[in-house]
Amino acid sequence: MTVAVLLLACTFFTYGYDGGVINGVLALPGFHVLIKNGVLSAGDISLIVGLPNIGVLLGVPLSAFLAERYGRRWALIVAAVISAIAGVLQTAAFNFATFVVGRVIASM
């Protein structure tokens, strides 16, 4: 029970950390110019902030399947690769769509 509570606390910490980081990125004027020529609508910002929830919904069944089928070790390796790909996508994004796809993949 204690381990489950610890893992749950870590997920909320990670979610809060991601929210804090993305809020800082959204405050940068250079980010707005790079992604959407200086104009991010309220809908764009809500997509950037809210889409990790979709990634989590997709990632939980995927990780459960991988862990059961191939073991936890391989599931963690796949998760690390997916995380690296998402980081590259978000860092190298020069348009809105690429950044949003990176955000979804990062939360899987």
PDB file of N, CA and C in Angstrom:
ATOM      1  N   MET A   1       0.825  -1.199   0.000  1.00  0.00           N
ATOM      2  CA  MET A   1       0.000   0.000   0.000  1.00  0.00           C
ATOM      3  C   MET A   1       0.864   1.255   0.000  1.00  0.00           C
ATOM      4  N   THR A   2       1.937   1.249   0.785  1.00  0.00           N
ATOM      5  CA  THR A   2       2.820   2.409   0.868  1.00  0.00           C
ATOM      6  C   THR A   2       3.491   2.672  -0.474  1.00  0.00           C
ATOM      7  N   VAL A   3       3.881   1.619  -1.183  1.00  0.00           N
ATOM      8  CA  VAL A   3       4.517   1.785  -2.484  1.00  0.00           C
ATOM      9  C   VAL A   3       3.517   2.385  -3.482  1.00  0.00           C
ATOM     10  N   ALA A   4       2.277   1.940  -3.439  1.00  0.00           N
ATOM     11  CA  ALA A   4       1.262   2.479  -4.337  1.00  0.00           C
ATOM     12  C   ALA A   4       1.045   3.970  -4.088  1.00  0.00           C
ATOM     13  N   VAL A   5       1.021   4.363  -2.851  1.00  0.00           N
ATOM     14  CA  VAL A   5       0.853   5.779  -2.507  1.00  0.00           C
ATOM     15  C   VAL A   5       2.063   6.581  -2.983  1.00  0.00           C
ATOM     16  N   LEU A   6       3.253   6.028  -2.826  1.00  0.00           N
ATOM     17  CA  LEU A   6       4.468   6.700  -3.282  1.00  0.00           C
ATOM     18  C   LEU A   6       4.454   6.885  -4.800  1.00  0.00           C
ATOM     19  N   LEU A   7       4.062   5.846  -5.529  1.00  0.00           N
ATOM     20  CA  LEU A   7       3.985   5.958  -6.988  1.00  0.00           C
ATOM     21  C   LEU A   7       2.938   6.970  -7.420  1.00  0.00           C
ATOM     22  N   LEU A   8       1.817   6.984  -6.741  1.00  0.00           N
ATOM     23  CA  LEU A   8       0.785   7.959  -7.055  1.00  0.00           C
ATOM     24  C   LEU A   8       1.273   9.377  -6.801  1.00  0.00           C
ATOM     25  N   ALA A   9       1.984   9.580  -5.711  1.00  0.00           N
ATOM     26  CA  ALA A   9       2.542  10.900  -5.408  1.00  0.00           C
ATOM     27  C   ALA A   9       3.552  11.322  -6.466  1.00  0.00           C
ATOM     28  N   CYS A  10       4.352  10.378  -6.965  1.00  0.00           N
ATOM     29  CA  CYS A  10       5.329  10.699  -8.013  1.00  0.00           C
ATOM     30  C   CYS A  10       4.646  11.117  -9.304  1.00  0.00           C
ATOM     31  N   THR A  11       3.531  10.481  -9.636  1.00  0.00           N
ATOM     32  CA  THR A  11       2.835  10.868 -10.867  1.00  0.00           C
ATOM     33  C   THR A  11       2.269  12.277 -10.752  1.00  0.00           C
ATOM     34  N   PHE A  12       1.743  12.627  -9.597  1.00  0.00           N
ATOM     35  CA  PHE A  12       1.225  13.982  -9.434  1.00  0.00           C
ATOM     36  C   PHE A  12       2.352  15.007  -9.426  1.00  0.00           C
ATOM     37  N   PHE A  13       3.513  14.645  -8.866  1.00  0.00           N
ATOM     38  CA  PHE A  13       4.665  15.535  -8.912  1.00  0.00           C
ATOM     39  C   PHE A  13       5.094  15.762 -10.353  1.00  0.00           C
ATOM     40  N   THR A  14       5.175  14.688 -11.135  1.00  0.00           N
ATOM     41  CA  THR A  14       5.580  14.805 -12.534  1.00  0.00           C
ATOM     42  C   THR A  14       4.584  15.658 -13.312  1.00  0.00           C
ATOM     43  N   TYR A  15       3.288  15.440 -13.070  1.00  0.00           N
ATOM     44  CA  TYR A  15       2.281  16.232 -13.763  1.00  0.00           C
ATOM     45  C   TYR A  15       2.403  17.703 -13.377  1.00  0.00           C
ATOM     46  N   GLY A  16       2.629  17.984 -12.123  1.00  0.00           N
ATOM     47  CA  GLY A  16       2.794  19.366 -11.681  1.00  0.00           C
ATOM     48  C   GLY A  16       4.056  19.993 -12.243  1.00  0.00           C
ATOM     49  N   TYR A  17       5.131  19.210 -12.326  1.00  0.00           N
ATOM     50  CA  TYR A  17       6.385  19.711 -12.892  1.00  0.00           C
ATOM     51  C   TYR A  17       6.193  20.049 -14.359  1.00  0.00           C
ATOM     52  N   ASP A  18       5.532  19.168 -15.100  1.00  0.00           N
ATOM     53  CA  ASP A  18       5.279  19.419 -16.514  1.00  0.00           C
ATOM     54  C   ASP A  18       4.428  20.668 -16.698  1.00  0.00           C
ATOM     55  N   GLY A  19       3.431  20.836 -15.856  1.00  0.00           N
ATOM     56  CA  GLY A  19       2.595  22.032 -15.941  1.00  0.00           C
ATOM     57  C   GLY A  19       3.385  23.305 -15.684  1.00  0.00           C
ATOM     58  N   GLY A  20       4.281  23.262 -14.709  1.00  0.00           N
ATOM     59  CA  GLY A  20       5.109  24.426 -14.418  1.00  0.00           C
ATOM     60  C   GLY A  20       6.070  24.755 -15.547  1.00  0.00           C
ATOM     61  N   VAL A  21       6.650  23.729 -16.147  1.00  0.00           N
ATOM     62  CA  VAL A  21       7.596  23.952 -17.248  1.00  0.00           C
ATOM     63  C   VAL A  21       6.874  24.494 -18.474  1.00  0.00           C
ATOM     64  N   ILE A  22       5.738  23.909 -18.830  1.00  0.00           N
ATOM     65  CA  ILE A  22       5.046  24.357 -20.045  1.00  0.00           C
ATOM     66  C   ILE A  22       4.494  25.769 -19.861  1.00  0.00           C
ATOM     67  N   ASN A  23       4.112  26.131 -18.640  1.00  0.00           N
ATOM     68  CA  ASN A  23       3.660  27.504 -18.411  1.00  0.00           C
ATOM     69  C   ASN A  23       4.795  28.492 -18.628  1.00  0.00           C
ATOM     70  N   GLY A  24       5.997  28.127 -18.222  1.00  0.00           N
ATOM     71  CA  GLY A  24       7.151  28.979 -18.475  1.00  0.00           C
ATOM     72  C   GLY A  24       7.466  29.101 -19.959  1.00  0.00           C
ATOM     73  N   VAL A  25       7.325  27.995 -20.680  1.00  0.00           N
ATOM     74  CA  VAL A  25       7.563  28.019 -22.125  1.00  0.00           C
ATOM     75  C   VAL A  25       6.512  28.878 -22.819  1.00  0.00           C
ATOM     76  N   LEU A  26       5.263  28.756 -22.403  1.00  0.00           N
ATOM     77  CA  LEU A  26       4.190  29.541 -23.027  1.00  0.00           C
ATOM     78  C   LEU A  26       4.354  31.040 -22.768  1.00  0.00           C
ATOM     79  N   ALA A  27       5.080  31.403 -21.727  1.00  0.00           N
ATOM     80  CA  ALA A  27       5.294  32.817 -21.424  1.00  0.00           C
ATOM     81  C   ALA A  27       6.405  33.439 -22.263  1.00  0.00           C
ATOM     82  N   LEU A  28       7.185  32.616 -22.940  1.00  0.00           N
ATOM     83  CA  LEU A  28       8.286  33.140 -23.743  1.00  0.00           C
ATOM     84  C   LEU A  28       7.780  33.704 -25.065  1.00  0.00           C
ATOM     85  N   PRO A  29       8.046  34.987 -25.368  1.00  0.00           N
ATOM     86  CA  PRO A  29       7.609  35.548 -26.649  1.00  0.00           C
ATOM     87  C   PRO A  29       8.250  34.840 -27.845  1.00  0.00           C
ATOM     88  N   GLY A  30       9.481  34.379 -27.692  1.00  0.00           N
ATOM     89  CA  GLY A  30      10.147  33.678 -28.784  1.00  0.00           C
ATOM     90  C   GLY A  30       9.461  32.386 -29.166  1.00  0.00           C
ATOM     91  N   PHE A  31       8.855  31.716 -28.196  1.00  0.00           N
ATOM     92  CA  PHE A  31       8.119  30.492 -28.478  1.00  0.00           C
ATOM     93  C   PHE A  31       6.918  30.784 -29.359  1.00  0.00           C
ATOM     94  N   HIS A  32       6.202  31.847 -29.067  1.00  0.00           N
ATOM     95  CA  HIS A  32       5.026  32.224 -29.862  1.00  0.00           C
ATOM     96  C   HIS A  32       5.430  32.523 -31.298  1.00  0.00           C
ATOM     97  N   VAL A  33       6.528  33.230 -31.475  1.00  0.00           N
ATOM     98  CA  VAL A  33       6.996  33.585 -32.820  1.00  0.00           C
ATOM     99  C   VAL A  33       7.427  32.326 -33.568  1.00  0.00           C
ATOM    100  N   LEU A  34       8.123  31.432 -32.895  1.00  0.00           N
ATOM    101  CA  LEU A  34       8.621  30.220 -33.537  1.00  0.00           C
ATOM    102  C   LEU A  34       7.487  29.286 -33.940  1.00  0.00           C
ATOM    103  N   ILE A  35       6.517  29.103 -33.069  1.00  0.00           N
ATOM    104  CA  ILE A  35       5.471  28.111 -33.307  1.00  0.00           C
ATOM    105  C   ILE A  35       4.345  28.638 -34.199  1.00  0.00           C
ATOM    106  N   LYS A  36       3.870  29.832 -33.964  1.00  0.00           N
ATOM    107  CA  LYS A  36       2.692  30.315 -34.697  1.00  0.00           C
ATOM    108  C   LYS A  36       2.822  31.769 -35.142  1.00  0.00           C
ATOM    109  N   ASN A  37       3.999  32.211 -35.501  1.00  0.00           N
ATOM    110  CA  ASN A  37       4.221  33.585 -35.967  1.00  0.00           C
ATOM    111  C   ASN A  37       3.725  34.623 -34.975  1.00  0.00           C
ATOM    112  N   GLY A  38       3.876  34.362 -33.704  1.00  0.00           N
ATOM    113  CA  GLY A  38       3.558  35.340 -32.674  1.00  0.00           C
ATOM    114  C   GLY A  38       2.142  35.314 -32.152  1.00  0.00           C
ATOM    115  N   VAL A  39       1.283  34.456 -32.700  1.00  0.00           N
ATOM    116  CA  VAL A  39      -0.116  34.463 -32.275  1.00  0.00           C
ATOM    117  C   VAL A  39      -0.531  33.059 -31.838  1.00  0.00           C
ATOM    118  N   LEU A  40      -0.721  32.892 -30.535  1.00  0.00           N
ATOM    119  CA  LEU A  40      -1.289  31.655 -29.998  1.00  0.00           C
ATOM    120  C   LEU A  40      -2.649  31.984 -29.405  1.00  0.00           C
ATOM    121  N   SER A  41      -3.683  31.357 -29.936  1.00  0.00           N
ATOM    122  CA  SER A  41      -5.027  31.620 -29.428  1.00  0.00           C
ATOM    123  C   SER A  41      -5.238  30.861 -28.119  1.00  0.00           C
ATOM    124  N   ALA A  42      -6.339  31.153 -27.473  1.00  0.00           N
ATOM    125  CA  ALA A  42      -6.684  30.447 -26.241  1.00  0.00           C
ATOM    126  C   ALA A  42      -6.888  28.959 -26.512  1.00  0.00           C
ATOM    127  N   GLY A  43      -7.431  28.630 -27.663  1.00  0.00           N
ATOM    128  CA  GLY A  43      -7.607  27.225 -28.034  1.00  0.00           C
ATOM    129  C   GLY A  43      -6.277  26.513 -28.229  1.00  0.00           C
ATOM    130  N   ASP A  44      -5.304  27.212 -28.829  1.00  0.00           N
ATOM    131  CA  ASP A  44      -3.976  26.628 -29.002  1.00  0.00           C
ATOM    132  C   ASP A  44      -3.323  26.344 -27.655  1.00  0.00           C
ATOM    133  N   ILE A  45      -3.417  27.298 -26.748  1.00  0.00           N
ATOM    134  CA  ILE A  45      -2.821  27.139 -25.426  1.00  0.00           C
ATOM    135  C   ILE A  45      -3.508  26.010 -24.660  1.00  0.00           C
ATOM    136  N   SER A  46      -4.828  25.910 -24.782  1.00  0.00           N
ATOM    137  CA  SER A  46      -5.526  24.828 -24.077  1.00  0.00           C
ATOM    138  C   SER A  46      -5.148  23.466 -24.649  1.00  0.00           C
ATOM    139  N   LEU A  47      -4.896  23.383 -25.956  1.00  0.00           N
ATOM    140  CA  LEU A  47      -4.422  22.125 -26.536  1.00  0.00           C
ATOM    141  C   LEU A  47      -3.049  21.749 -25.987  1.00  0.00           C
ATOM    142  N   ILE A  48      -2.150  22.714 -25.945  1.00  0.00           N
ATOM    143  CA  ILE A  48      -0.798  22.446 -25.465  1.00  0.00           C
ATOM    144  C   ILE A  48      -0.816  21.993 -24.011  1.00  0.00           C
ATOM    145  N   VAL A  49      -1.643  22.603 -23.207  1.00  0.00           N
ATOM    146  CA  VAL A  49      -1.674  22.282 -21.781  1.00  0.00           C
ATOM    147  C   VAL A  49      -2.494  21.013 -21.512  1.00  0.00           C
ATOM    148  N   GLY A  50      -3.559  20.776 -22.245  1.00  0.00           N
ATOM    149  CA  GLY A  50      -4.478  19.682 -21.947  1.00  0.00           C
ATOM    150  C   GLY A  50      -4.193  18.360 -22.632  1.00  0.00           C
ATOM    151  N   LEU A  51      -3.416  18.371 -23.722  1.00  0.00           N
ATOM    152  CA  LEU A  51      -3.217  17.126 -24.459  1.00  0.00           C
ATOM    153  C   LEU A  51      -2.434  16.041 -23.729  1.00  0.00           C
ATOM    154  N   PRO A  52      -1.598  16.355 -22.754  1.00  0.00           N
ATOM    155  CA  PRO A  52      -0.976  15.245 -22.030  1.00  0.00           C
ATOM    156  C   PRO A  52      -1.981  14.286 -21.392  1.00  0.00           C
ATOM    157  N   ASN A  53      -3.166  14.755 -21.090  1.00  0.00           N
ATOM    158  CA  ASN A  53      -4.191  13.851 -20.547  1.00  0.00           C
ATOM    159  C   ASN A  53      -4.577  12.785 -21.571  1.00  0.00           C
ATOM    160  N   ILE A  54      -4.625  13.140 -22.843  1.00  0.00           N
ATOM    161  CA  ILE A  54      -4.910  12.171 -23.899  1.00  0.00           C
ATOM    162  C   ILE A  54      -3.765  11.166 -23.996  1.00  0.00           C
ATOM    163  N   GLY A  55      -2.539  11.663 -23.918  1.00  0.00           N
ATOM    164  CA  GLY A  55      -1.388  10.767 -23.961  1.00  0.00           C
ATOM    165  C   GLY A  55      -1.390   9.762 -22.840  1.00  0.00           C
ATOM    166  N   VAL A  56      -1.796  10.196 -21.667  1.00  0.00           N
ATOM    167  CA  VAL A  56      -1.868   9.274 -20.525  1.00  0.00           C
ATOM    168  C   VAL A  56      -2.926   8.201 -20.781  1.00  0.00           C
ATOM    169  N   LEU A  57      -4.057   8.587 -21.335  1.00  0.00           N
ATOM    170  CA  LEU A  57      -5.108   7.612 -21.633  1.00  0.00           C
ATOM    171  C   LEU A  57      -4.639   6.577 -22.643  1.00  0.00           C
ATOM    172  N   LEU A  58      -3.779   6.984 -23.568  1.00  0.00           N
ATOM    173  CA  LEU A  58      -3.240   6.040 -24.547  1.00  0.00           C
ATOM    174  C   LEU A  58      -2.073   5.241 -23.975  1.00  0.00           C
ATOM    175  N   GLY A  59      -1.282   5.853 -23.127  1.00  0.00           N
ATOM    176  CA  GLY A  59      -0.072   5.220 -22.626  1.00  0.00           C
ATOM    177  C   GLY A  59      -0.295   4.172 -21.552  1.00  0.00           C
ATOM    178  N   VAL A  60      -1.292   4.341 -20.734  1.00  0.00           N
ATOM    179  CA  VAL A  60      -1.519   3.381 -19.646  1.00  0.00           C
ATOM    180  C   VAL A  60      -1.835   1.985 -20.182  1.00  0.00           C
ATOM    181  N   PRO A  61      -2.774   1.828 -21.113  1.00  0.00           N
ATOM    182  CA  PRO A  61      -3.011   0.469 -21.634  1.00  0.00           C
ATOM    183  C   PRO A  61      -1.797  -0.083 -22.390  1.00  0.00           C
ATOM    184  N   LEU A  62      -1.082   0.803 -23.092  1.00  0.00           N
ATOM    185  CA  LEU A  62       0.102   0.358 -23.824  1.00  0.00           C
ATOM    186  C   LEU A  62       1.175  -0.158 -22.866  1.00  0.00           C
ATOM    187  N   SER A  63       1.423   0.573 -21.804  1.00  0.00           N
ATOM    188  CA  SER A  63       2.448   0.133 -20.852  1.00  0.00           C
ATOM    189  C   SER A  63       2.021  -1.136 -20.119  1.00  0.00           C
ATOM    190  N   ALA A  64       0.758  -1.251 -19.807  1.00  0.00           N
ATOM    191  CA  ALA A  64       0.275  -2.473 -19.156  1.00  0.00           C
ATOM    192  C   ALA A  64       0.438  -3.675 -20.070  1.00  0.00           C
ATOM    193  N   PHE A  65       0.103  -3.502 -21.328  1.00  0.00           N
ATOM    194  CA  PHE A  65       0.256  -4.593 -22.303  1.00  0.00           C
ATOM    195  C   PHE A  65       1.719  -4.990 -22.459  1.00  0.00           C
ATOM    196  N   LEU A  66       2.594  -3.982 -22.634  1.00  0.00           N
ATOM    197  CA  LEU A  66       4.014  -4.275 -22.810  1.00  0.00           C
ATOM    198  C   LEU A  66       4.612  -4.955 -21.580  1.00  0.00           C
ATOM    199  N   ALA A  67       4.243  -4.481 -20.390  1.00  0.00           N
ATOM    200  CA  ALA A  67       4.788  -5.062 -19.160  1.00  0.00           C
ATOM    201  C   ALA A  67       4.318  -6.506 -18.965  1.00  0.00           C
ATOM    202  N   GLU A  68       3.079  -6.764 -19.316  1.00  0.00           N
ATOM    203  CA  GLU A  68       2.565  -8.122 -19.146  1.00  0.00           C
ATOM    204  C   GLU A  68       3.131  -9.069 -20.199  1.00  0.00           C
ATOM    205  N   ARG A  69       3.247  -8.586 -21.411  1.00  0.00           N
ATOM    206  CA  ARG A  69       3.686  -9.434 -22.519  1.00  0.00           C
ATOM    207  C   ARG A  69       5.200  -9.658 -22.539  1.00  0.00           C
ATOM    208  N   TYR A  70       5.972  -8.569 -22.313  1.00  0.00           N
ATOM    209  CA  TYR A  70       7.430  -8.648 -22.472  1.00  0.00           C
ATOM    210  C   TYR A  70       8.208  -8.425 -21.179  1.00  0.00           C
ATOM    211  N   GLY A  71       7.531  -8.066 -20.105  1.00  0.00           N
ATOM    212  CA  GLY A  71       8.208  -7.825 -18.832  1.00  0.00           C
ATOM    213  C   GLY A  71       8.435  -6.342 -18.589  1.00  0.00           C
ATOM    214  N   ARG A  72       8.668  -6.017 -17.325  1.00  0.00           N
ATOM    215  CA  ARG A  72       8.815  -4.605 -16.945  1.00  0.00           C
ATOM    216  C   ARG A  72      10.054  -3.966 -17.542  1.00  0.00           C
ATOM    217  N   ARG A  73      11.119  -4.764 -17.648  1.00  0.00           N
ATOM    218  CA  ARG A  73      12.370  -4.204 -18.185  1.00  0.00           C
ATOM    219  C   ARG A  73      12.174  -3.657 -19.596  1.00  0.00           C
ATOM    220  N   TRP A  74      11.571  -4.456 -20.471  1.00  0.00           N
ATOM    221  CA  TRP A  74      11.373  -4.008 -21.847  1.00  0.00           C
ATOM    222  C   TRP A  74      10.333  -2.897 -21.933  1.00  0.00           C
ATOM    223  N   ALA A  75       9.366  -2.934 -21.068  1.00  0.00           N
ATOM    224  CA  ALA A  75       8.380  -1.849 -21.044  1.00  0.00           C
ATOM    225  C   ALA A  75       9.049  -0.527 -20.676  1.00  0.00           C
ATOM    226  N   LEU A  76       9.975  -0.555 -19.721  1.00  0.00           N
ATOM    227  CA  LEU A  76      10.705   0.662 -19.343  1.00  0.00           C
ATOM    228  C   LEU A  76      11.636   1.121 -20.457  1.00  0.00           C
ATOM    229  N   ILE A  77      12.244   0.195 -21.168  1.00  0.00           N
ATOM    230  CA  ILE A  77      13.101   0.562 -22.295  1.00  0.00           C
ATOM    231  C   ILE A  77      12.282   1.232 -23.386  1.00  0.00           C
ATOM    232  N   VAL A  78      11.135   0.673 -23.703  1.00  0.00           N
ATOM    233  CA  VAL A  78      10.254   1.281 -24.713  1.00  0.00           C
ATOM    234  C   VAL A  78       9.787   2.657 -24.250  1.00  0.00           C
ATOM    235  N   ALA A  79       9.454   2.797 -22.980  1.00  0.00           N
ATOM    236  CA  ALA A  79       9.033   4.091 -22.438  1.00  0.00           C
ATOM    237  C   ALA A  79      10.146   5.125 -22.550  1.00  0.00           C
ATOM    238  N   ALA A  80      11.382   4.720 -22.298  1.00  0.00           N
ATOM    239  CA  ALA A  80      12.515   5.639 -22.415  1.00  0.00           C
ATOM    240  C   ALA A  80      12.717   6.080 -23.858  1.00  0.00           C
ATOM    241  N   VAL A  81      12.560   5.159 -24.796  1.00  0.00           N
ATOM    242  CA  VAL A  81      12.699   5.502 -26.216  1.00  0.00           C
ATOM    243  C   VAL A  81      11.584   6.446 -26.642  1.00  0.00           C
ATOM    244  N   ILE A  82      10.371   6.166 -26.226  1.00  0.00           N
ATOM    245  CA  ILE A  82       9.246   7.048 -26.560  1.00  0.00           C
ATOM    246  C   ILE A  82       9.468   8.433 -25.968  1.00  0.00           C
ATOM    247  N   SER A  83       9.947   8.499 -24.753  1.00  0.00           N
ATOM    248  CA  SER A  83      10.218   9.776 -24.109  1.00  0.00           C
ATOM    249  C   SER A  83      11.298  10.558 -24.859  1.00  0.00           C
ATOM    250  N   ALA A  84      12.332   9.877 -25.302  1.00  0.00           N
ATOM    251  CA  ALA A  84      13.396  10.539 -26.065  1.00  0.00           C
ATOM    252  C   ALA A  84      12.876  11.074 -27.394  1.00  0.00           C
ATOM    253  N   ILE A  85      12.060  10.291 -28.073  1.00  0.00           N
ATOM    254  CA  ILE A  85      11.477  10.735 -29.344  1.00  0.00           C
ATOM    255  C   ILE A  85      10.603  11.968 -29.117  1.00  0.00           C
ATOM    256  N   ALA A  86       9.814  11.950 -28.069  1.00  0.00           N
ATOM    257  CA  ALA A  86       8.944  13.094 -27.763  1.00  0.00           C
ATOM    258  C   ALA A  86       9.765  14.334 -27.442  1.00  0.00           C
ATOM    259  N   GLY A  87      10.838  14.162 -26.703  1.00  0.00           N
ATOM    260  CA  GLY A  87      11.700  15.295 -26.389  1.00  0.00           C
ATOM    261  C   GLY A  87      12.316  15.906 -27.630  1.00  0.00           C
ATOM    262  N   VAL A  88      12.757  15.060 -28.549  1.00  0.00           N
ATOM    263  CA  VAL A  88      13.329  15.550 -29.809  1.00  0.00           C
ATOM    264  C   VAL A  88      12.263  16.281 -30.615  1.00  0.00           C
ATOM    265  N   LEU A  89      11.061  15.717 -30.693  1.00  0.00           N
ATOM    266  CA  LEU A  89       9.980  16.373 -31.439  1.00  0.00           C
ATOM    267  C   LEU A  89       9.650  17.752 -30.879  1.00  0.00           C
ATOM    268  N   GLN A  90       9.548  17.850 -29.565  1.00  0.00           N
ATOM    269  CA  GLN A  90       9.207  19.136 -28.956  1.00  0.00           C
ATOM    270  C   GLN A  90      10.334  20.142 -29.105  1.00  0.00           C
ATOM    271  N   THR A  91      11.563  19.684 -28.978  1.00  0.00           N
ATOM    272  CA  THR A  91      12.699  20.595 -29.067  1.00  0.00           C
ATOM    273  C   THR A  91      12.908  21.083 -30.492  1.00  0.00           C
ATOM    274  N   ALA A  92      12.700  20.206 -31.464  1.00  0.00           N
ATOM    275  CA  ALA A  92      12.948  20.556 -32.862  1.00  0.00           C
ATOM    276  C   ALA A  92      11.720  21.122 -33.569  1.00  0.00           C
ATOM    277  N   ALA A  93      10.618  21.291 -32.875  1.00  0.00           N
ATOM    278  CA  ALA A  93       9.377  21.736 -33.515  1.00  0.00           C
ATOM    279  C   ALA A  93       9.491  23.172 -34.027  1.00  0.00           C
ATOM    280  N   PHE A  94       9.118  23.341 -35.289  1.00  0.00           N
ATOM    281  CA  PHE A  94       9.060  24.666 -35.871  1.00  0.00           C
ATOM    282  C   PHE A  94       7.642  25.030 -36.296  1.00  0.00           C
ATOM    283  N   ASN A  95       6.696  24.168 -35.960  1.00  0.00           N
ATOM    284  CA  ASN A  95       5.292  24.500 -36.195  1.00  0.00           C
ATOM    285  C   ASN A  95       4.443  23.925 -35.061  1.00  0.00           C
ATOM    286  N   PHE A  96       3.217  24.346 -35.036  1.00  0.00           N
ATOM    287  CA  PHE A  96       2.314  24.003 -33.936  1.00  0.00           C
ATOM    288  C   PHE A  96       2.010  22.514 -33.903  1.00  0.00           C
ATOM    289  N   ALA A  97       1.759  21.916 -35.060  1.00  0.00           N
ATOM    290  CA  ALA A  97       1.362  20.505 -35.114  1.00  0.00           C
ATOM    291  C   ALA A  97       2.457  19.593 -34.576  1.00  0.00           C
ATOM    292  N   THR A  98       3.701  19.848 -34.933  1.00  0.00           N
ATOM    293  CA  THR A  98       4.800  19.018 -34.456  1.00  0.00           C
ATOM    294  C   THR A  98       4.950  19.124 -32.947  1.00  0.00           C
ATOM    295  N   PHE A  99       4.804  20.325 -32.410  1.00  0.00           N
ATOM    296  CA  PHE A  99       4.907  20.504 -30.977  1.00  0.00           C
ATOM    297  C   PHE A  99       3.792  19.776 -30.242  1.00  0.00           C
ATOM    298  N   VAL A 100       2.589  19.847 -30.770  1.00  0.00           N
ATOM    299  CA  VAL A 100       1.440  19.186 -30.134  1.00  0.00           C
ATOM    300  C   VAL A 100       1.610  17.666 -30.164  1.00  0.00           C
ATOM    301  N   VAL A 101       2.073  17.128 -31.286  1.00  0.00           N
ATOM    302  CA  VAL A 101       2.308  15.683 -31.368  1.00  0.00           C
ATOM    303  C   VAL A 101       3.379  15.269 -30.357  1.00  0.00           C
ATOM    304  N   GLY A 102       4.428  16.070 -30.226  1.00  0.00           N
ATOM    305  CA  GLY A 102       5.456  15.799 -29.231  1.00  0.00           C
ATOM    306  C   GLY A 102       4.916  15.809 -27.819  1.00  0.00           C
ATOM    307  N   ARG A 103       4.001  16.727 -27.539  1.00  0.00           N
ATOM    308  CA  ARG A 103       3.388  16.789 -26.198  1.00  0.00           C
ATOM    309  C   ARG A 103       2.579  15.535 -25.902  1.00  0.00           C
ATOM    310  N   VAL A 104       1.829  15.055 -26.882  1.00  0.00           N
ATOM    311  CA  VAL A 104       1.017  13.855 -26.672  1.00  0.00           C
ATOM    312  C   VAL A 104       1.919  12.636 -26.459  1.00  0.00           C
ATOM    313  N   ILE A 105       2.945  12.508 -27.291  1.00  0.00           N
ATOM    314  CA  ILE A 105       3.839  11.368 -27.177  1.00  0.00           C
ATOM    315  C   ILE A 105       4.609  11.413 -25.856  1.00  0.00           C
ATOM    316  N   ALA A 106       4.966  12.595 -25.402  1.00  0.00           N
ATOM    317  CA  ALA A 106       5.733  12.727 -24.160  1.00  0.00           C
ATOM    318  C   ALA A 106       4.969  12.209 -22.950  1.00  0.00           C
ATOM    319  N   SER A 107       3.667  12.278 -22.989  1.00  0.00           N
ATOM    320  CA  SER A 107       2.889  11.858 -21.822  1.00  0.00           C
ATOM    321  C   SER A 107       2.434  10.408 -21.897  1.00  0.00           C
ATOM    322  N   MET A 108       2.832   9.696 -22.942  1.00  0.00           N
ATOM    323  CA  MET A 108       2.433   8.296 -23.067  1.00  0.00           C
ATOM    324  C   MET A 108       3.172   7.419 -22.119  1.00  0.00           C
TER     325      MET A 108
END
